[in-house]
């Protein structure tokens, strides 16, 4: 393999940290809330990882913030084969100002296939994955795709675990297998309901660092929730992450949880519900416990679906509680973190006790 097509959705993931649970149709609101792009930096990290291993790849990409900038920053001299701002005298320099569309992503991928690339590397979330897969299925040429995770929601099994892993996989893989591309209804997601839909089945590089698809089911957590609630400490702030397991604990405490949001609670008072990062930080008072549950099938405790619990929030906490049913843990080989901050990720790695019931815990490694 010696050619690769790289496309970046520059606005992917902007809605996460400000509590929007996605960016589809919410770019203007995300900007208004002060959201900052995360996809370009993650693209640079992935491509730098690739360049360290294969510096002489031929890289085809889209102009500017859709891939060219990241490729050049990583050390490549890419060939631009699609320019959404062709003819414009003022292309955006700030990714937050790039009003690119799904059709721009699809057009870039078509241009890559016209140049017979060996792999399409995309940076975004599930929506971007759908756009890439749509073109691959239209052309039916068997070209594999691999995602660099940058979106708020990552339900598809076509993504590397981290941006660095994406670079490693792109450089080293020698076979592919069929994987699912799924997407969810973002409006329903913002209301606390997960509606997933299979959009495509595409070839994806095989490697341990390509994540599995998210499993949305889990076992009973009633005894876990009751046991946790009994041990709630006074004068302690609790940051409750999203998901049904943590929601059961909140319900036990008399809180009306935001199923897919982040809530802050202290001494019987709900200080913030479905909070953005800034709201969480504004309400924090030490000591602080963060309560999260891993994503089923993937094992992420930070960096997928809970971007509001940012590195700044994590650094304020003196205690992190991970909770999960034994059934969920049976499908998880390890816990994972991907916070956009290497120092925070490194500090979180190691062995961690996961609460599985009223009195039981299980030791699981964070990698």
Protein backbone atom coordinates (compact mmCIF):
# COMPACT_ATOMS: atom_id res chain seq x y z
CA UNK A 1 0.00 0.00 0.00
CA UNK A 2 1.44 3.37 -0.95
CA UNK A 3 -1.46 5.80 -1.52
CA UNK A 4 -4.01 7.20 0.89
CA UNK A 5 -6.91 9.64 0.70
CA UNK A 6 -7.40 11.90 3.73
CA UNK A 7 -10.54 13.91 4.42
CA UNK A 8 -11.30 15.91 7.57
CA UNK A 9 -14.72 17.07 8.72
CA UNK A 10 -13.41 20.26 10.37
CA UNK A 11 -16.46 20.84 12.54
CA UNK A 12 -16.86 17.27 13.80
CA UNK A 13 -17.13 17.04 17.57
CA UNK A 14 -17.62 20.75 18.20
CA UNK A 15 -20.94 20.17 19.94
CA UNK A 16 -19.67 17.71 22.53
CA UNK A 17 -17.89 19.78 25.14
CA UNK A 18 -20.58 22.46 25.10
CA UNK A 19 -23.28 19.88 25.78
CA UNK A 20 -24.99 19.64 22.38
CA UNK A 21 -24.36 15.86 21.99
CA UNK A 22 -23.59 16.38 18.31
CA UNK A 23 -22.94 19.04 15.70
CA UNK A 24 -25.41 18.10 12.95
CA UNK A 25 -27.52 21.21 12.37
CA UNK A 26 -26.04 22.83 15.49
CA UNK A 27 -22.83 24.42 14.22
CA UNK A 28 -24.00 28.00 14.75
CA UNK A 29 -25.17 27.21 18.28
CA UNK A 30 -21.91 25.41 19.05
CA UNK A 31 -19.96 28.45 17.90
CA UNK A 32 -22.17 30.73 19.99
CA UNK A 33 -21.45 28.59 23.05
CA UNK A 34 -17.72 28.96 22.46
CA UNK A 35 -17.04 25.50 21.00
CA UNK A 36 -13.62 24.87 19.54
CA UNK A 37 -12.84 22.43 16.71
CA UNK A 38 -11.11 19.21 17.71
CA UNK A 39 -10.99 17.35 14.38
CA UNK A 40 -8.01 19.20 12.81
CA UNK A 41 -5.69 18.50 15.75
CA UNK A 42 -6.74 14.86 15.84
CA UNK A 43 -6.09 14.68 12.11
CA UNK A 44 -2.58 16.04 12.65
CA UNK A 45 -1.93 13.51 15.41
CA UNK A 46 -3.06 10.60 13.21
CA UNK A 47 -1.04 11.74 10.20
CA UNK A 48 2.06 12.44 12.29
CA UNK A 49 1.80 8.87 13.61
CA UNK A 50 1.52 7.64 10.03
CA UNK A 51 4.42 9.81 8.83
CA UNK A 52 6.76 8.43 11.50
CA UNK A 53 6.19 4.96 10.08
CA UNK A 54 5.70 5.66 6.35
CA UNK A 55 7.05 9.11 5.42
CA UNK A 56 6.86 8.50 1.67
CA UNK A 57 3.13 7.80 1.30
CA UNK A 58 1.39 9.54 -1.57
CA UNK A 59 -1.36 11.53 0.16
CA UNK A 60 -4.40 12.79 -1.71
CA UNK A 61 -6.59 15.16 0.21
CA UNK A 62 -9.07 18.04 0.18
CA UNK A 63 -7.98 21.66 0.41
CA UNK A 64 -7.15 23.60 3.56
CA UNK A 65 -8.85 22.58 6.77
CA UNK A 66 -10.45 19.55 5.07
CA UNK A 67 -7.11 17.73 5.12
CA UNK A 68 -4.35 19.63 3.35
CA UNK A 69 -3.30 21.66 6.40
CA UNK A 70 -3.08 18.62 8.68
CA UNK A 71 -1.14 16.60 6.10
CA UNK A 72 1.43 19.38 5.62
CA UNK A 73 1.77 19.87 9.38
CA UNK A 74 2.50 16.13 9.69
CA UNK A 75 5.31 16.34 7.15
CA UNK A 76 3.64 15.26 3.91
CA UNK A 77 3.43 17.16 0.62
CA UNK A 78 -0.15 16.21 -0.28
CA UNK A 79 -1.83 16.45 -3.63
CA UNK A 80 -5.09 18.40 -3.34
CA UNK A 81 -7.74 16.74 -5.50
CA UNK A 82 -10.83 18.51 -4.17
CA UNK A 83 -11.32 22.13 -3.15
CA UNK A 84 -14.71 23.16 -1.71
CA UNK A 85 -13.61 26.79 -1.89
CA UNK A 86 -12.47 26.71 -5.51
CA UNK A 87 -12.84 30.19 -6.96
CA UNK A 88 -13.12 31.81 -3.54
CA UNK A 89 -10.75 34.63 -2.66
CA UNK A 90 -11.10 33.97 1.07
CA UNK A 91 -11.01 30.28 2.09
CA UNK A 92 -11.38 29.80 5.86
CA UNK A 93 -8.25 29.54 7.98
CA UNK A 94 -10.19 28.76 11.15
CA UNK A 95 -11.82 25.30 11.06
CA UNK A 96 -14.71 26.68 13.10
CA UNK A 97 -15.59 28.92 10.16
CA UNK A 98 -15.53 26.13 7.58
CA UNK A 99 -19.11 25.60 6.48
CA UNK A 100 -18.37 22.32 4.75
CA UNK A 101 -21.17 19.87 4.01
CA UNK A 102 -21.72 16.16 3.68
CA UNK A 103 -21.53 16.58 -0.09
CA UNK A 104 -18.04 18.07 0.29
CA UNK A 105 -16.93 14.92 2.11
CA UNK A 106 -18.50 12.70 -0.53
CA UNK A 107 -16.95 14.72 -3.36
CA UNK A 108 -13.52 14.40 -1.78
CA UNK A 109 -13.89 10.63 -1.46
CA UNK A 110 -14.97 10.34 -5.10
CA UNK A 111 -11.82 12.24 -6.09
CA UNK A 112 -9.71 9.85 -4.00
CA UNK A 113 -11.23 6.85 -5.72
CA UNK A 114 -10.55 8.43 -9.10
CA UNK A 115 -6.88 8.30 -8.06
CA UNK A 116 -7.16 4.65 -6.97
CA UNK A 117 -6.15 5.19 -3.35
CA UNK A 118 -5.44 2.12 -1.24
CA UNK A 119 -7.21 3.49 1.85
CA UNK A 120 -9.58 6.32 2.75
CA UNK A 121 -8.65 7.82 6.12
CA UNK A 122 -11.38 10.13 7.42
CA UNK A 123 -11.59 12.32 10.52
CA UNK A 124 -15.01 12.83 12.07
CA UNK A 125 -17.85 10.93 13.70
CA UNK A 126 -20.57 8.55 12.62
CA UNK A 127 -22.13 11.08 10.24
CA UNK A 128 -18.82 11.47 8.41
CA UNK A 129 -18.45 7.69 8.34
CA UNK A 130 -21.84 7.42 6.63
CA UNK A 131 -20.79 9.97 3.99
CA UNK A 132 -17.58 8.08 3.21
CA UNK A 133 -19.28 4.68 3.19
CA UNK A 134 -22.03 5.93 0.88
CA UNK A 135 -19.47 6.72 -1.82
CA UNK A 136 -17.57 3.46 -1.30
CA UNK A 137 -20.76 1.48 -1.73
CA UNK A 138 -21.74 3.52 -4.79
CA UNK A 139 -18.44 2.72 -6.47
CA UNK A 140 -18.21 -0.83 -5.09
CA UNK A 141 -14.45 -0.98 -5.60
CA UNK A 142 -13.55 -2.63 -2.29
CA UNK A 143 -11.44 0.29 -1.08
CA UNK A 144 -11.16 0.10 2.73
CA UNK A 145 -11.92 3.01 5.07
CA UNK A 146 -10.63 3.85 8.53
CA UNK A 147 -11.88 6.53 10.92
CA UNK A 148 -9.97 8.87 13.19
CA UNK A 149 -12.45 9.44 16.05
CA UNK A 150 -13.37 13.11 16.35
CA UNK A 151 -17.16 13.20 16.60
CA UNK A 152 -19.37 13.32 19.65
CA UNK A 153 -21.02 9.97 18.96
CA UNK A 154 -19.00 6.98 17.78
CA UNK A 155 -21.27 3.96 17.32
CA UNK A 156 -19.69 2.51 14.18
CA UNK A 157 -16.97 -0.14 14.23
CA UNK A 158 -14.85 1.57 11.56
CA UNK A 159 -12.78 3.80 13.88
CA UNK A 160 -9.35 3.34 15.39
CA UNK A 161 -9.35 3.63 19.16
CA UNK A 162 -7.26 6.83 19.15
CA UNK A 163 -5.80 9.14 16.49
CA UNK A 164 -2.32 7.70 17.03
CA UNK A 165 -3.69 4.21 16.60
CA UNK A 166 -5.23 5.29 13.29
CA UNK A 167 -1.80 6.23 11.98
CA UNK A 168 -0.35 2.93 13.14
CA UNK A 169 -3.15 0.87 11.59
CA UNK A 170 -2.98 2.76 8.28
CA UNK A 171 0.75 2.06 8.09
CA UNK A 172 0.79 -1.58 9.21
CA UNK A 173 -2.45 -3.38 8.30
CA UNK A 174 -2.33 -6.30 5.88
CA UNK A 175 -5.96 -7.42 5.71
CA UNK A 176 -9.49 -6.07 6.05
CA UNK A 177 -12.84 -7.33 7.23
CA UNK A 178 -16.43 -6.18 6.82
CA UNK A 179 -17.54 -3.75 9.53
CA UNK A 180 -20.78 -1.89 10.23
CA UNK A 181 -21.38 1.83 9.80
CA UNK A 182 -24.16 3.00 12.13
CA UNK A 183 -25.65 6.41 12.77
CA UNK A 184 -28.17 7.75 15.24
CA UNK A 185 -30.94 10.30 15.17
CA UNK A 186 -29.27 13.31 16.83
CA UNK A 187 -32.54 15.04 17.71
CA UNK A 188 -33.75 11.92 19.52
CA UNK A 189 -30.29 11.56 21.09
CA UNK A 190 -30.50 15.09 22.52
CA UNK A 191 -33.80 14.08 24.09
CA UNK A 192 -32.18 11.05 25.73
CA UNK A 193 -33.20 8.33 23.27
CA UNK A 194 -30.75 6.28 21.22
CA UNK A 195 -32.08 5.28 17.80
CA UNK A 196 -29.38 3.53 15.80
CA UNK A 197 -29.63 2.56 12.16
CA UNK A 198 -27.31 0.38 10.11
CA UNK A 199 -26.19 2.48 7.15
CA UNK A 200 -23.54 0.39 5.41
CA UNK A 201 -21.15 -2.54 5.67
CA UNK A 202 -17.66 -1.68 4.44
CA UNK A 203 -14.12 -3.11 4.44
CA UNK A 204 -12.01 -1.87 7.37
CA UNK A 205 -8.39 -2.66 8.32
CA UNK A 206 -8.09 -5.39 10.92
CA UNK A 207 -6.14 -4.54 14.08
CA UNK A 208 -6.62 -4.75 17.86
CA UNK A 209 -6.74 -0.95 17.93
CA UNK A 210 -9.85 -0.71 15.76
CA UNK A 211 -12.79 -0.46 18.10
CA UNK A 212 -15.84 -2.67 18.13
CA UNK A 213 -19.33 -1.30 17.64
CA UNK A 214 -21.18 0.02 20.63
CA UNK A 215 -23.58 -2.35 22.33
CA UNK A 216 -26.61 -0.48 23.65
CA UNK A 217 -27.96 -3.13 25.98
CA UNK A 218 -26.87 -3.83 29.53
CA UNK A 219 -27.88 -5.96 32.46
CA UNK A 220 -29.72 -5.10 35.67
CA UNK A 221 -28.06 -2.39 37.74
CA UNK A 222 -30.60 -2.03 40.53
CA UNK A 223 -28.43 -3.50 43.29
CA UNK A 224 -25.40 -1.55 42.08
CA UNK A 225 -27.37 1.71 42.19
CA UNK A 226 -28.79 0.99 45.64
CA UNK A 227 -25.37 0.16 47.04
CA UNK A 228 -23.74 3.23 45.57
CA UNK A 229 -26.50 5.55 46.80
CA UNK A 230 -26.13 4.23 50.36
CA UNK A 231 -22.48 5.29 50.37
CA UNK A 232 -22.93 8.82 49.04
CA UNK A 233 -20.77 11.14 51.10
CA UNK A 234 -21.92 14.48 52.55
CA UNK A 235 -20.28 17.73 51.46
CA UNK A 236 -19.06 16.09 48.25
CA UNK A 237 -19.84 17.15 44.68
CA UNK A 238 -20.81 14.36 42.28
CA UNK A 239 -20.46 14.69 38.50
CA UNK A 240 -22.69 12.04 36.98
CA UNK A 241 -21.88 11.00 33.42
CA UNK A 242 -24.37 9.80 30.80
CA UNK A 243 -25.88 6.35 30.42
CA UNK A 244 -28.41 4.06 32.01
CA UNK A 245 -26.16 2.66 34.73
CA UNK A 246 -25.23 6.06 36.14
CA UNK A 247 -28.82 7.20 35.59
CA UNK A 248 -30.02 4.40 37.85
CA UNK A 249 -27.82 5.75 40.64
CA UNK A 250 -29.22 9.22 40.12
CA UNK A 251 -32.77 7.89 40.22
CA UNK A 252 -31.96 6.12 43.50
CA UNK A 253 -30.89 9.52 44.85
CA UNK A 254 -34.13 11.14 43.74
CA UNK A 255 -32.59 12.92 40.75
CA UNK A 256 -34.33 13.15 37.40
CA UNK A 257 -31.27 12.25 35.29
CA UNK A 258 -30.49 13.51 31.82
CA UNK A 259 -29.97 10.09 30.18
CA UNK A 260 -27.30 11.18 27.73
CA UNK A 261 -26.08 14.31 29.49
CA UNK A 262 -23.92 15.20 32.49
CA UNK A 263 -25.46 16.22 35.83
CA UNK A 264 -23.83 17.81 38.89
CA UNK A 265 -25.25 17.08 42.38
CA UNK A 266 -24.28 17.92 45.94
CA UNK A 267 -26.00 17.25 49.28
CA UNK A 268 -29.42 16.68 47.74
CA UNK A 269 -29.27 19.61 45.34
CA UNK A 270 -29.07 19.24 41.58
CA UNK A 271 -26.62 22.02 40.68
CA UNK A 272 -26.63 21.46 36.90
CA UNK A 273 -28.56 19.18 34.58
CA UNK A 274 -27.42 18.21 31.08
CA UNK A 275 -24.49 20.56 31.63
CA UNK A 276 -21.80 21.78 29.26
CA UNK A 277 -18.16 21.84 30.35
CA UNK A 278 -18.34 25.49 31.42
CA UNK A 279 -21.43 24.87 33.56
CA UNK A 280 -19.79 21.89 35.24
CA UNK A 281 -16.69 23.90 36.08
CA UNK A 282 -18.81 26.75 37.45
CA UNK A 283 -20.59 24.45 39.92
CA UNK A 284 -17.64 22.39 41.16
CA UNK A 285 -16.75 22.56 44.82
CA UNK A 286 -14.19 20.20 46.30
CA UNK A 287 -14.12 17.35 47.13
CA UNK A 288 -15.34 16.01 43.78
CA UNK A 289 -16.29 12.54 42.52
CA UNK A 290 -16.85 11.77 38.84
CA UNK A 291 -19.14 8.80 38.21
CA UNK A 292 -19.00 7.18 34.78
CA UNK A 293 -19.86 3.88 33.13
CA UNK A 294 -17.95 2.36 30.20
CA UNK A 295 -19.53 2.20 26.79
CA UNK A 296 -20.66 -1.35 26.18
CA UNK A 297 -18.52 -3.27 23.71
CA UNK A 298 -15.93 -0.48 23.51
CA UNK A 299 -14.87 0.19 27.08
CA UNK A 300 -14.44 3.96 26.85
CA UNK A 301 -14.94 5.78 30.16
CA UNK A 302 -13.82 9.19 28.85
CA UNK A 303 -13.73 10.54 25.32
CA UNK A 304 -16.86 9.03 23.80
CA UNK A 305 -20.24 10.66 24.39
CA UNK A 306 -19.13 12.54 27.51
CA UNK A 307 -16.80 15.24 26.20
CA UNK A 308 -18.37 17.65 28.69
CA UNK A 309 -16.31 15.84 31.34
CA UNK A 310 -13.20 17.45 29.91
CA UNK A 311 -9.58 17.20 31.07
CA UNK A 312 -10.14 20.37 33.12
CA UNK A 313 -13.06 18.70 34.92
CA UNK A 314 -11.14 15.45 35.43
CA UNK A 315 -8.17 17.29 36.91
CA UNK A 316 -10.43 18.91 39.51
CA UNK A 317 -11.72 15.57 40.77
CA UNK A 318 -10.06 13.69 43.62
CA UNK A 319 -12.08 10.54 42.96
CA UNK A 320 -13.32 8.71 39.86
CA UNK A 321 -15.91 5.96 40.26
CA UNK A 322 -16.48 3.57 37.36
CA UNK A 323 -19.68 1.54 37.56
CA UNK A 324 -20.93 -1.26 35.33
CA UNK A 325 -22.89 -4.46 35.54
CA UNK A 326 -20.90 -7.68 35.43
CA UNK A 327 -22.65 -8.55 32.18
CA UNK A 328 -21.36 -5.37 30.53
CA UNK A 329 -17.82 -5.96 31.77
CA UNK A 330 -17.88 -9.49 30.38
CA UNK A 331 -17.92 -7.96 26.89
CA UNK A 332 -15.09 -5.49 27.62
CA UNK A 333 -11.45 -6.57 27.60
CA UNK A 334 -10.16 -3.26 28.98
CA UNK A 335 -11.23 0.28 29.79
CA UNK A 336 -10.15 3.08 27.44
CA UNK A 337 -9.65 6.85 27.59
CA UNK A 338 -9.26 9.43 24.82
CA UNK A 339 -9.64 12.91 26.34
CA UNK A 340 -7.52 15.00 23.92
CA UNK A 341 -4.96 15.47 26.70
CA UNK A 342 -2.05 13.01 26.78
CA UNK A 343 -1.07 13.81 30.37
CA UNK A 344 -4.60 13.23 31.63
CA UNK A 345 -4.89 10.00 29.64
CA UNK A 346 -1.59 8.74 31.05
CA UNK A 347 -2.65 9.59 34.60
CA UNK A 348 -5.87 7.61 34.16
CA UNK A 349 -4.19 4.49 32.81
CA UNK A 350 -3.53 1.52 35.06
CA UNK A 351 -5.70 -0.80 37.11
CA UNK A 352 -9.05 0.50 38.33
CA UNK A 353 -11.76 -0.97 40.55
CA UNK A 354 -15.10 -1.06 38.76
CA UNK A 355 -18.18 -1.34 40.93
CA UNK A 356 -20.41 -4.14 39.64
CA UNK A 357 -22.98 -4.61 42.43
CA UNK A 358 -24.06 -3.61 45.92
CA UNK A 359 -20.85 -4.93 47.48
CA UNK A 360 -18.79 -6.22 44.56
CA UNK A 361 -16.03 -4.73 42.43
CA UNK A 362 -13.86 -6.00 39.61
CA UNK A 363 -10.31 -4.94 38.79
CA UNK A 364 -10.05 -3.80 35.15
CA UNK A 365 -7.10 -2.22 33.38
CA UNK A 366 -7.37 1.20 31.75
CA UNK A 367 -5.26 1.24 28.58
